[in-house]
Amino acid sequence: MRDLLRILVSPVVWLAAFSAVYGLHGILCEIDLGAAFAGASWRRLSLAIAFALAILVQVVLPMMLHSDRFGAAPGFSRVVSRASGWVGLVAVVWTLFPVLTTTTCG
């Protein structure tokens, strides 16, 4: 059962991060924060911080899956859980990058 958790943790964290960041985007579009900081709106800074936190969490997961303490025993589960960890990291960067590069609200 723990091997299944190791395999699924990174995609589940990606799903949560994706939902949280785009949910935050929707909420921030409805709120008029108005003021700017260092040339960027508070909306853009908030989304950039959320994006950075999502990447940080996804960077830590493969590191944990490669460690002896949290990683799976050698074999199929270890290979799949490590691959899943890297897929989660790539998914976070790929799917959340538009938050930083596109207009924030329509």
Protein backbone atom coordinates (compact mmCIF):
# COMPACT_ATOMS: atom_id res chain seq x y z
CA MET A 1 0.00 0.00 0.00
CA ARG A 2 2.87 2.38 0.69
CA ASP A 3 4.28 1.77 -2.77
CA LEU A 4 0.98 2.86 -4.27
CA LEU A 5 1.13 6.04 -2.18
CA ARG A 6 4.69 6.69 -3.38
CA ILE A 7 3.58 6.28 -6.98
CA LEU A 8 0.52 8.53 -6.67
CA VAL A 9 1.76 11.30 -4.35
CA SER A 10 3.30 13.49 -7.03
CA PRO A 11 0.35 13.45 -9.47
CA VAL A 12 -2.07 14.09 -6.59
CA VAL A 13 0.03 17.04 -5.41
CA TRP A 14 0.09 18.33 -9.00
CA LEU A 15 -3.70 18.07 -9.14
CA ALA A 16 -4.06 19.96 -5.86
CA ALA A 17 -1.59 22.66 -6.95
CA PHE A 18 -3.28 23.07 -10.33
CA SER A 19 -6.69 23.43 -8.71
CA ALA A 20 -5.40 25.81 -6.03
CA VAL A 21 -3.52 28.12 -8.40
CA TYR A 22 -6.32 28.41 -10.94
CA GLY A 23 -8.86 28.77 -8.14
CA LEU A 24 -6.73 31.56 -6.71
CA HIS A 25 -6.62 33.08 -10.17
CA GLY A 26 -10.41 33.14 -10.35
CA ILE A 27 -10.75 34.65 -6.89
CA LEU A 28 -8.14 37.31 -7.60
CA CYS A 29 -9.88 38.26 -10.84
CA GLU A 30 -13.01 39.08 -8.85
CA ILE A 31 -11.15 41.13 -6.24
CA ASP A 32 -9.80 44.53 -7.23
CA LEU A 33 -6.47 44.79 -5.39
CA GLY A 34 -5.58 47.96 -7.27
CA ALA A 35 -2.18 48.81 -5.82
CA ALA A 36 1.05 47.73 -7.43
CA PHE A 37 4.37 46.67 -5.95
CA ALA A 38 7.65 47.05 -7.84
CA GLY A 39 5.83 47.51 -11.13
CA ALA A 40 3.73 44.36 -10.83
CA SER A 41 0.18 44.01 -9.61
CA TRP A 42 -0.59 42.20 -6.39
CA ARG A 43 -2.56 39.70 -8.43
CA ARG A 44 0.47 38.79 -10.54
CA LEU A 45 2.75 38.60 -7.48
CA SER A 46 0.29 36.35 -5.63
CA LEU A 47 0.07 33.98 -8.58
CA ALA A 48 3.86 33.97 -8.99
CA ILE A 49 4.29 33.06 -5.31
CA ALA A 50 1.73 30.26 -5.62
CA PHE A 51 3.50 29.00 -8.75
CA ALA A 52 6.87 29.05 -6.96
CA LEU A 53 5.46 27.18 -3.96
CA ALA A 54 3.97 24.52 -6.22
CA ILE A 55 7.33 24.04 -7.92
CA LEU A 56 9.13 23.90 -4.58
CA VAL A 57 6.83 21.15 -3.32
CA GLN A 58 7.23 19.20 -6.56
CA VAL A 59 11.03 19.53 -6.39
CA VAL A 60 11.08 18.14 -2.86
CA LEU A 61 8.97 15.08 -3.77
CA PRO A 62 11.44 13.49 -6.24
CA MET A 63 14.23 14.22 -3.77
CA MET A 64 12.31 12.32 -1.10
CA LEU A 65 11.51 9.47 -3.50
CA HIS A 66 15.24 9.15 -4.30
CA SER A 67 16.20 8.97 -0.61
CA ASP A 68 16.71 5.69 1.21
CA ARG A 69 14.34 6.68 4.01
CA PHE A 70 11.25 7.54 1.95
CA GLY A 71 11.96 5.75 -1.32
CA ALA A 72 10.56 2.38 -2.29
CA ALA A 73 12.53 -0.84 -2.14
CA PRO A 74 14.60 -1.57 -5.25
CA GLY A 75 12.48 -2.87 -8.09
CA PHE A 76 9.48 -1.88 -10.14
CA SER A 77 7.88 0.34 -7.48
CA ARG A 78 11.04 2.39 -7.04
CA VAL A 79 11.41 3.05 -10.76
CA VAL A 80 7.74 3.94 -11.23
CA SER A 81 7.55 6.17 -8.13
CA ARG A 82 10.66 8.09 -9.16
CA ALA A 83 9.35 8.51 -12.71
CA SER A 84 6.02 9.66 -11.32
CA GLY A 85 7.82 12.23 -9.17
CA TRP A 86 9.56 13.72 -12.20
CA VAL A 87 6.34 13.66 -14.23
CA GLY A 88 4.61 15.62 -11.46
CA LEU A 89 7.36 18.26 -11.51
CA VAL A 90 7.16 18.65 -15.29
CA ALA A 91 3.36 18.79 -15.11
CA VAL A 92 3.42 21.62 -12.57
CA VAL A 93 5.84 23.69 -14.63
CA TRP A 94 4.02 22.99 -17.90
CA THR A 95 0.46 23.59 -16.73
CA LEU A 96 1.03 26.50 -14.36
CA PHE A 97 3.51 28.49 -16.46
CA PRO A 98 0.69 30.28 -18.36
CA VAL A 99 -0.26 31.93 -15.06
CA LEU A 100 2.96 33.95 -15.28
CA THR A 101 3.00 34.64 -19.00
CA THR A 102 -0.58 35.49 -19.94
CA THR A 103 -2.89 38.29 -18.93
CA THR A 104 -4.36 37.76 -15.52
CA CYS A 105 -8.01 38.59 -16.16
CA GLY A 106 -10.23 39.09 -19.19
